[in-house]
N, C-alpha and C. Protein backbone atom coordinates (compact mmCIF):
# COMPACT_ATOMS: atom_id res chain seq x y z
N MET A 1 0.85 -1.17 0.00
CA MET A 1 0.00 0.00 0.00
C MET A 1 0.90 1.24 0.00
N THR A 2 0.63 2.15 -0.91
CA THR A 2 1.45 3.36 -1.00
C THR A 2 0.98 4.41 0.01
N ASN A 3 1.84 5.39 0.21
CA ASN A 3 1.49 6.48 1.13
C ASN A 3 0.25 7.24 0.64
N ASN A 4 0.13 7.43 -0.67
CA ASN A 4 -1.05 8.13 -1.21
C ASN A 4 -2.33 7.35 -0.92
N GLN A 5 -2.29 6.04 -1.04
CA GLN A 5 -3.47 5.23 -0.75
C GLN A 5 -3.84 5.33 0.73
N ILE A 6 -2.85 5.28 1.61
CA ILE A 6 -3.10 5.38 3.05
C ILE A 6 -3.68 6.76 3.38
N ASN A 7 -3.11 7.82 2.79
CA ASN A 7 -3.63 9.17 3.02
C ASN A 7 -5.07 9.29 2.53
N PHE A 8 -5.34 8.74 1.35
CA PHE A 8 -6.69 8.81 0.80
C PHE A 8 -7.69 8.08 1.69
N ILE A 9 -7.33 6.89 2.18
CA ILE A 9 -8.21 6.14 3.08
C ILE A 9 -8.46 6.94 4.36
N GLY A 10 -7.42 7.59 4.86
CA GLY A 10 -7.58 8.43 6.06
C GLY A 10 -8.56 9.56 5.83
N TRP A 11 -8.47 10.21 4.67
CA TRP A 11 -9.40 11.31 4.38
C TRP A 11 -10.82 10.81 4.17
N ILE A 12 -10.97 9.63 3.59
CA ILE A 12 -12.31 9.05 3.45
C ILE A 12 -12.91 8.80 4.84
N LEU A 13 -12.10 8.31 5.76
CA LEU A 13 -12.59 8.08 7.13
C LEU A 13 -12.97 9.40 7.80
N PHE A 14 -12.19 10.45 7.57
CA PHE A 14 -12.55 11.77 8.11
C PHE A 14 -13.88 12.25 7.53
N VAL A 15 -14.08 12.05 6.24
CA VAL A 15 -15.34 12.47 5.60
C VAL A 15 -16.51 11.69 6.20
N LEU A 16 -16.33 10.39 6.39
CA LEU A 16 -17.40 9.59 6.99
C LEU A 16 -17.71 10.04 8.42
N SER A 17 -16.67 10.39 9.17
CA SER A 17 -16.93 10.87 10.53
C SER A 17 -17.63 12.23 10.50
N ALA A 18 -17.29 13.07 9.53
CA ALA A 18 -17.97 14.37 9.40
C ALA A 18 -19.44 14.16 9.08
N ILE A 19 -19.74 13.19 8.22
CA ILE A 19 -21.14 12.89 7.90
C ILE A 19 -21.86 12.39 9.15
N GLY A 20 -21.18 11.56 9.94
CA GLY A 20 -21.77 11.10 11.20
C GLY A 20 -22.05 12.25 12.16
N PHE A 21 -21.12 13.21 12.24
CA PHE A 21 -21.33 14.39 13.09
C PHE A 21 -22.51 15.21 12.58
N ILE A 22 -22.67 15.33 11.28
CA ILE A 22 -23.79 16.08 10.71
C ILE A 22 -25.10 15.40 11.10
N ILE A 23 -25.16 14.09 10.97
CA ILE A 23 -26.38 13.37 11.33
C ILE A 23 -26.69 13.54 12.82
N ALA A 24 -25.65 13.47 13.65
CA ALA A 24 -25.86 13.59 15.09
C ALA A 24 -26.26 15.00 15.51
N SER A 25 -25.92 16.00 14.69
CA SER A 25 -26.17 17.38 15.10
C SER A 25 -27.43 17.98 14.49
N VAL A 26 -28.27 17.17 13.87
CA VAL A 26 -29.50 17.68 13.28
C VAL A 26 -30.33 18.35 14.37
N GLY A 27 -30.72 19.58 14.11
CA GLY A 27 -31.54 20.32 15.06
C GLY A 27 -30.76 21.26 15.95
N HIS A 28 -29.45 21.21 15.90
CA HIS A 28 -28.61 22.09 16.70
C HIS A 28 -27.76 22.92 15.74
N PHE A 29 -28.09 24.20 15.63
CA PHE A 29 -27.50 25.05 14.60
C PHE A 29 -25.98 25.08 14.65
N TRP A 30 -25.40 25.41 15.80
CA TRP A 30 -23.95 25.58 15.87
C TRP A 30 -23.21 24.26 15.68
N ALA A 31 -23.76 23.19 16.19
CA ALA A 31 -23.14 21.87 15.97
C ALA A 31 -23.21 21.51 14.49
N MET A 32 -24.33 21.80 13.85
CA MET A 32 -24.48 21.52 12.43
C MET A 32 -23.51 22.39 11.61
N PHE A 33 -23.40 23.65 11.98
CA PHE A 33 -22.47 24.56 11.30
C PHE A 33 -21.05 24.03 11.38
N GLY A 34 -20.61 23.63 12.56
CA GLY A 34 -19.27 23.09 12.74
C GLY A 34 -19.06 21.80 11.97
N SER A 35 -20.07 20.95 11.96
CA SER A 35 -19.95 19.68 11.25
C SER A 35 -19.85 19.87 9.74
N VAL A 36 -20.66 20.75 9.21
CA VAL A 36 -20.61 21.03 7.77
C VAL A 36 -19.28 21.68 7.41
N PHE A 37 -18.81 22.58 8.25
CA PHE A 37 -17.53 23.23 8.02
C PHE A 37 -16.40 22.19 8.01
N PHE A 38 -16.45 21.23 8.94
CA PHE A 38 -15.46 20.16 9.01
C PHE A 38 -15.51 19.30 7.75
N LEU A 39 -16.71 18.98 7.27
CA LEU A 39 -16.86 18.20 6.05
C LEU A 39 -16.27 18.93 4.85
N VAL A 40 -16.56 20.21 4.72
CA VAL A 40 -16.03 21.01 3.61
C VAL A 40 -14.50 21.06 3.68
N ALA A 41 -13.95 21.23 4.88
CA ALA A 41 -12.49 21.25 5.03
C ALA A 41 -11.88 19.92 4.61
N CYS A 42 -12.50 18.82 4.98
CA CYS A 42 -11.99 17.50 4.57
C CYS A 42 -12.02 17.36 3.05
N LEU A 43 -13.09 17.82 2.43
CA LEU A 43 -13.20 17.73 0.97
C LEU A 43 -12.15 18.60 0.29
N VAL A 44 -11.85 19.77 0.86
CA VAL A 44 -10.82 20.64 0.30
C VAL A 44 -9.46 19.95 0.36
N PHE A 45 -9.18 19.27 1.47
CA PHE A 45 -7.91 18.57 1.59
C PHE A 45 -7.81 17.38 0.64
N MET A 46 -8.94 16.89 0.13
CA MET A 46 -8.92 15.76 -0.80
C MET A 46 -8.73 16.20 -2.26
N ILE A 47 -8.79 17.48 -2.54
CA ILE A 47 -8.65 17.98 -3.91
C ILE A 47 -7.38 17.48 -4.59
N PRO A 48 -6.21 17.49 -3.92
CA PRO A 48 -5.00 17.02 -4.61
C PRO A 48 -5.07 15.58 -5.10
N PHE A 49 -5.90 14.74 -4.50
CA PHE A 49 -6.02 13.36 -4.94
C PHE A 49 -6.74 13.25 -6.28
N PHE A 50 -7.52 14.27 -6.64
CA PHE A 50 -8.32 14.22 -7.86
C PHE A 50 -7.79 15.12 -8.97
N ARG A 51 -6.77 15.90 -8.67
CA ARG A 51 -6.19 16.78 -9.69
C ARG A 51 -5.17 16.01 -10.51
N LYS A 52 -5.12 16.34 -11.77
CA LYS A 52 -4.13 15.74 -12.66
C LYS A 52 -2.78 16.45 -12.45
N ASP A 53 -1.71 15.68 -12.42
CA ASP A 53 -0.38 16.28 -12.34
C ASP A 53 0.00 16.84 -13.71
N ASP A 54 0.58 18.03 -13.68
CA ASP A 54 0.98 18.67 -14.95
C ASP A 54 2.23 18.04 -15.51
C-alpha cells in the first residue's frame, strides 16, 4: 500500500466521521455549522487526490 493510498483512506474516514457528526447534530445550529464546516475542510484537503499532475 502506498502512502497516497493510506492518506486517501484516512481522508475518506474523516469524511465519513464528518457525515456522522452532521447526522448527530441535526436540530442544533452551531453543531451543524461546525460539522458542515469540518466536512467542507476534509473535501478541500482531498482535492490534490483528484487533480491531474501537470
